[in-house]
């Protein structure tokens, strides 16, 4: 075999291996990012429920506690959009802005 053929084959093999490694790393980073977002969304949903129940008891009011899984899905969507676009989802922004105005007026 020719030395140039061997060197070329080794070079192509190294490039293919590097490409596969890079692609695998990108997929792993995306999966890890989603995993962290899901963990934070679950944590936020637990915190909201833990805050809502004692608050309702203290105010002697009944409260409808949303399901933790539903809240986790909502928070995951918010966090995912916030990370990707730097802002809340468009369907949530009007509610958020109205709440902020009410809070600032206090």
N, C-alpha and C. Protein backbone atom coordinates (compact mmCIF):
# COMPACT_ATOMS: atom_id res chain seq x y z
N UNK A 1 0.83 -1.19 0.00
CA UNK A 1 0.00 0.00 0.00
C UNK A 1 0.87 1.25 0.00
N UNK A 2 0.35 2.23 -0.58
CA UNK A 2 1.04 3.51 -0.66
C UNK A 2 0.92 4.24 0.67
N UNK A 3 1.98 4.92 1.10
CA UNK A 3 1.99 5.65 2.37
C UNK A 3 0.96 6.79 2.34
N UNK A 4 0.81 7.44 1.21
CA UNK A 4 -0.14 8.55 1.08
C UNK A 4 -1.57 8.05 1.29
N UNK A 5 -1.88 6.86 0.80
CA UNK A 5 -3.22 6.28 0.99
C UNK A 5 -3.49 6.00 2.46
N UNK A 6 -2.49 5.48 3.14
CA UNK A 6 -2.64 5.16 4.57
C UNK A 6 -2.84 6.44 5.37
N UNK A 7 -2.02 7.46 5.08
CA UNK A 7 -2.13 8.74 5.79
C UNK A 7 -3.49 9.39 5.50
N UNK A 8 -3.92 9.33 4.26
CA UNK A 8 -5.22 9.91 3.90
C UNK A 8 -6.35 9.18 4.60
N UNK A 9 -6.29 7.87 4.64
CA UNK A 9 -7.33 7.08 5.32
C UNK A 9 -7.37 7.40 6.81
N UNK A 10 -6.20 7.52 7.42
CA UNK A 10 -6.14 7.86 8.85
C UNK A 10 -6.71 9.26 9.10
N UNK A 11 -6.39 10.19 8.22
CA UNK A 11 -6.90 11.56 8.35
C UNK A 11 -8.41 11.62 8.22
N UNK A 12 -8.95 10.91 7.24
CA UNK A 12 -10.40 10.87 7.06
C UNK A 12 -11.07 10.21 8.26
N UNK A 13 -10.47 9.14 8.75
CA UNK A 13 -11.02 8.48 9.94
C UNK A 13 -11.03 9.39 11.14
N UNK A 14 -9.95 10.16 11.31
CA UNK A 14 -9.88 11.09 12.44
C UNK A 14 -10.92 12.19 12.30
N UNK A 15 -11.12 12.70 11.09
CA UNK A 15 -12.13 13.74 10.87
C UNK A 15 -13.54 13.22 11.13
N UNK A 16 -13.83 12.02 10.68
CA UNK A 16 -15.15 11.43 10.91
C UNK A 16 -15.38 11.20 12.41
N UNK A 17 -14.37 10.72 13.10
CA UNK A 17 -14.49 10.50 14.55
C UNK A 17 -14.70 11.82 15.28
N UNK A 18 -13.99 12.86 14.87
CA UNK A 18 -14.16 14.18 15.49
C UNK A 18 -15.56 14.72 15.24
N UNK A 19 -16.06 14.52 14.02
CA UNK A 19 -17.42 14.99 13.69
C UNK A 19 -18.48 14.27 14.52
N UNK A 20 -18.34 12.97 14.66
CA UNK A 20 -19.29 12.19 15.46
C UNK A 20 -19.22 12.61 16.92
N UNK A 21 -18.01 12.84 17.43
CA UNK A 21 -17.84 13.27 18.82
C UNK A 21 -18.47 14.63 19.05
N UNK A 22 -18.27 15.55 18.12
CA UNK A 22 -18.85 16.89 18.23
C UNK A 22 -20.37 16.82 18.21
N UNK A 23 -20.93 16.05 17.30
CA UNK A 23 -22.39 15.90 17.20
C UNK A 23 -22.95 15.28 18.48
N UNK A 24 -22.28 14.26 19.00
CA UNK A 24 -22.71 13.61 20.23
C UNK A 24 -22.67 14.60 21.40
N UNK A 25 -21.64 15.42 21.47
CA UNK A 25 -21.53 16.42 22.53
C UNK A 25 -22.66 17.43 22.47
N UNK A 26 -23.01 17.85 21.24
CA UNK A 26 -24.11 18.81 21.09
C UNK A 26 -25.43 18.20 21.55
N UNK A 27 -25.67 16.94 21.20
CA UNK A 27 -26.89 16.27 21.64
C UNK A 27 -26.92 16.11 23.16
N UNK A 28 -25.78 15.78 23.75
CA UNK A 28 -25.71 15.62 25.21
C UNK A 28 -25.96 16.94 25.92
N UNK A 29 -25.39 18.03 25.41
CA UNK A 29 -25.61 19.34 26.03
C UNK A 29 -27.07 19.75 25.97
N UNK A 30 -27.72 19.49 24.84
CA UNK A 30 -29.14 19.82 24.71
C UNK A 30 -29.98 18.99 25.67
N UNK A 31 -29.68 17.72 25.78
CA UNK A 31 -30.42 16.85 26.71
C UNK A 31 -30.19 17.28 28.15
N UNK A 32 -28.97 17.64 28.49
CA UNK A 32 -28.66 18.09 29.85
C UNK A 32 -29.38 19.40 30.17
N UNK A 33 -29.43 20.31 29.21
CA UNK A 33 -30.14 21.58 29.40
C UNK A 33 -31.61 21.33 29.69
N UNK A 34 -32.22 20.44 28.93
CA UNK A 34 -33.63 20.12 29.16
C UNK A 34 -33.84 19.44 30.51
N UNK A 35 -32.90 18.60 30.89
CA UNK A 35 -32.98 17.92 32.18
C UNK A 35 -32.93 18.93 33.34
N UNK A 36 -32.03 19.90 33.23
CA UNK A 36 -31.93 20.94 34.26
C UNK A 36 -33.19 21.79 34.30
N UNK A 37 -33.72 22.15 33.13
CA UNK A 37 -34.96 22.93 33.08
C UNK A 37 -36.10 22.17 33.72
N UNK A 38 -36.20 20.89 33.45
CA UNK A 38 -37.27 20.08 34.03
C UNK A 38 -37.12 20.00 35.55
N UNK A 39 -35.90 19.82 36.02
CA UNK A 39 -35.68 19.76 37.48
C UNK A 39 -36.07 21.08 38.13
N UNK A 40 -35.72 22.19 37.52
CA UNK A 40 -36.08 23.50 38.08
C UNK A 40 -37.59 23.73 38.00
N UNK A 41 -38.22 23.28 36.93
CA UNK A 41 -39.67 23.43 36.80
C UNK A 41 -40.39 22.63 37.89
N UNK A 42 -39.91 21.43 38.16
CA UNK A 42 -40.51 20.62 39.22
C UNK A 42 -40.29 21.29 40.57
N UNK A 43 -39.09 21.83 40.78
CA UNK A 43 -38.80 22.52 42.03
C UNK A 43 -39.71 23.75 42.21
N UNK A 44 -39.91 24.51 41.14
CA UNK A 44 -40.80 25.67 41.22
C UNK A 44 -42.24 25.26 41.51
N UNK A 45 -42.69 24.18 40.91
CA UNK A 45 -44.07 23.73 41.16
C UNK A 45 -44.24 23.29 42.61
N UNK A 46 -43.24 22.61 43.16
CA UNK A 46 -43.31 22.21 44.57
C UNK A 46 -43.33 23.43 45.49
N UNK A 47 -42.51 24.41 45.18
CA UNK A 47 -42.45 25.62 46.00
C UNK A 47 -43.78 26.37 45.96
N UNK A 48 -44.38 26.43 44.79
CA UNK A 48 -45.68 27.13 44.69
C UNK A 48 -46.74 26.43 45.51
N UNK A 49 -46.77 25.11 45.45
CA UNK A 49 -47.76 24.36 46.22
C UNK A 49 -47.48 24.50 47.71
N UNK A 50 -46.19 24.43 48.10
CA UNK A 50 -45.85 24.56 49.51
C UNK A 50 -46.17 25.96 50.04
N UNK A 51 -46.16 26.96 49.19
CA UNK A 51 -46.50 28.32 49.60
C UNK A 51 -48.00 28.53 49.63
N UNK A 52 -48.70 27.97 48.68
CA UNK A 52 -50.13 28.21 48.53
C UNK A 52 -50.94 27.59 49.68
N UNK A 53 -50.62 26.40 50.09
CA UNK A 53 -51.41 25.71 51.12
C UNK A 53 -51.34 26.44 52.46
N UNK A 54 -50.15 26.75 53.00
CA UNK A 54 -50.12 27.48 54.27
C UNK A 54 -50.75 28.88 54.18
N UNK A 55 -50.58 29.52 53.04
CA UNK A 55 -51.17 30.85 52.85
C UNK A 55 -52.69 30.78 52.91
N UNK A 56 -53.27 29.79 52.28
CA UNK A 56 -54.73 29.63 52.32
C UNK A 56 -55.20 29.32 53.74
N UNK A 57 -54.46 28.49 54.46
CA UNK A 57 -54.82 28.17 55.84
C UNK A 57 -54.76 29.41 56.72
N UNK A 58 -53.70 30.19 56.54
CA UNK A 58 -53.51 31.39 57.35
C UNK A 58 -54.61 32.41 57.10
N UNK A 59 -55.05 32.51 55.86
CA UNK A 59 -56.10 33.47 55.52
C UNK A 59 -57.49 32.88 55.72
N UNK A 60 -57.54 31.64 56.16
CA UNK A 60 -58.81 30.92 56.38
C UNK A 60 -59.69 30.95 55.12
N UNK A 61 -59.05 30.64 54.02
CA UNK A 61 -59.73 30.59 52.74
C UNK A 61 -59.50 29.22 52.12
N UNK A 62 -60.41 28.84 51.25
CA UNK A 62 -60.17 27.61 50.51
C UNK A 62 -59.35 27.96 49.27
N UNK A 63 -58.51 27.05 48.88
CA UNK A 63 -57.67 27.28 47.70
C UNK A 63 -57.70 26.04 46.83
N UNK A 64 -57.77 26.27 45.56
CA UNK A 64 -57.70 25.17 44.61
C UNK A 64 -56.24 25.00 44.23
N UNK A 65 -55.66 23.89 44.63
CA UNK A 65 -54.24 23.65 44.38
C UNK A 65 -54.10 22.90 43.06
N UNK A 66 -53.42 23.52 42.11
CA UNK A 66 -53.23 22.82 40.83
C UNK A 66 -52.32 21.61 41.00
N UNK A 67 -52.45 20.67 40.11
CA UNK A 67 -51.63 19.47 40.12
C UNK A 67 -50.17 19.85 39.89
N UNK A 68 -49.27 19.22 40.65
CA UNK A 68 -47.85 19.51 40.53
C UNK A 68 -47.30 19.23 39.15
N UNK A 69 -47.78 18.17 38.51
CA UNK A 69 -47.30 17.83 37.16
C UNK A 69 -47.72 18.90 36.16
N UNK A 70 -48.95 19.41 36.31
CA UNK A 70 -49.42 20.48 35.42
C UNK A 70 -48.56 21.73 35.60
N UNK A 71 -48.31 22.09 36.85
CA UNK A 71 -47.47 23.26 37.10
C UNK A 71 -46.06 23.07 36.56
N UNK A 72 -45.52 21.87 36.69
CA UNK A 72 -44.17 21.59 36.18
C UNK A 72 -44.13 21.77 34.66
N UNK A 73 -45.17 21.33 33.97
CA UNK A 73 -45.22 21.49 32.51
C UNK A 73 -45.27 22.97 32.15
N UNK A 74 -46.08 23.73 32.87
CA UNK A 74 -46.20 25.17 32.61
C UNK A 74 -44.87 25.87 32.86
N UNK A 75 -44.26 25.58 34.00
CA UNK A 75 -42.98 26.21 34.31
C UNK A 75 -41.89 25.79 33.35
N UNK A 76 -41.91 24.52 32.91
CA UNK A 76 -40.92 24.06 31.93
C UNK A 76 -41.04 24.86 30.64
N UNK A 77 -42.27 25.07 30.20
CA UNK A 77 -42.50 25.84 28.97
C UNK A 77 -42.00 27.27 29.14
N UNK A 78 -42.31 27.88 30.29
CA UNK A 78 -41.85 29.24 30.55
C UNK A 78 -40.32 29.31 30.54
N UNK A 79 -39.68 28.40 31.25
CA UNK A 79 -38.22 28.42 31.35
C UNK A 79 -37.55 28.14 30.01
N UNK A 80 -38.12 27.20 29.26
CA UNK A 80 -37.56 26.87 27.95
C UNK A 80 -37.62 28.07 27.01
N UNK A 81 -38.76 28.75 26.99
CA UNK A 81 -38.92 29.93 26.13
C UNK A 81 -38.02 31.06 26.63
N UNK A 82 -37.94 31.23 27.93
CA UNK A 82 -37.10 32.27 28.52
C UNK A 82 -35.63 32.05 28.17
N UNK A 83 -35.18 30.82 28.21
CA UNK A 83 -33.80 30.51 27.88
C UNK A 83 -33.52 30.71 26.38
N UNK A 84 -34.48 30.32 25.55
CA UNK A 84 -34.28 30.41 24.10
C UNK A 84 -34.41 31.84 23.58
N UNK A 85 -35.41 32.57 24.08
CA UNK A 85 -35.72 33.89 23.51
C UNK A 85 -35.38 35.06 24.44
N UNK A 86 -35.16 34.77 25.72
CA UNK A 86 -34.86 35.85 26.65
C UNK A 86 -36.08 36.57 27.16
N UNK A 87 -37.26 36.02 26.92
CA UNK A 87 -38.50 36.63 27.41
C UNK A 87 -39.55 35.56 27.63
N UNK A 88 -40.61 35.93 28.33
CA UNK A 88 -41.69 34.99 28.56
C UNK A 88 -42.42 34.69 27.26
N UNK A 89 -43.15 33.57 27.19
CA UNK A 89 -43.92 33.28 25.98
C UNK A 89 -44.93 34.39 25.69
N UNK A 90 -45.23 34.63 24.42
CA UNK A 90 -46.13 35.74 24.06
C UNK A 90 -47.52 35.64 24.70
N UNK A 91 -48.03 34.45 24.89
CA UNK A 91 -49.37 34.32 25.47
C UNK A 91 -49.39 34.64 26.97
N UNK A 92 -48.22 34.70 27.61
CA UNK A 92 -48.13 34.97 29.04
C UNK A 92 -47.80 36.44 29.31
N UNK A 93 -47.15 37.09 28.37
CA UNK A 93 -46.68 38.46 28.58
C UNK A 93 -47.78 39.44 29.00
N UNK A 94 -48.96 39.44 28.37
CA UNK A 94 -49.99 40.40 28.80
C UNK A 94 -50.40 40.21 30.26
N UNK A 95 -50.55 38.97 30.70
CA UNK A 95 -50.91 38.70 32.10
C UNK A 95 -49.79 39.18 33.03
N UNK A 96 -48.56 38.91 32.66
CA UNK A 96 -47.42 39.30 33.48
C UNK A 96 -47.32 40.82 33.58
N UNK A 97 -47.49 41.51 32.43
CA UNK A 97 -47.41 42.97 32.43
C UNK A 97 -48.53 43.58 33.25
N UNK A 98 -49.75 43.03 33.17
CA UNK A 98 -50.86 43.53 33.97
C UNK A 98 -50.58 43.34 35.46
N UNK A 99 -50.01 42.20 35.82
CA UNK A 99 -49.68 41.94 37.22
C UNK A 99 -48.62 42.92 37.71
N UNK A 100 -47.61 43.17 36.87
CA UNK A 100 -46.54 44.10 37.25
C UNK A 100 -47.10 45.50 37.47
N UNK A 101 -48.03 45.94 36.62
CA UNK A 101 -48.64 47.27 36.78
C UNK A 101 -49.42 47.36 38.09
N UNK A 102 -50.16 46.28 38.43
CA UNK A 102 -50.91 46.27 39.70
C UNK A 102 -49.95 46.34 40.89
N UNK A 103 -48.84 45.61 40.79
CA UNK A 103 -47.86 45.61 41.88
C UNK A 103 -47.19 46.96 42.04
N UNK A 104 -46.90 47.60 40.94
CA UNK A 104 -46.24 48.92 41.00
C UNK A 104 -47.19 49.99 41.52
N UNK A 105 -48.50 49.81 41.29
CA UNK A 105 -49.49 50.80 41.74
C UNK A 105 -49.69 50.73 43.26
N UNK A 106 -49.30 49.64 43.88
CA UNK A 106 -49.50 49.49 45.34
C UNK A 106 -48.61 50.42 46.13
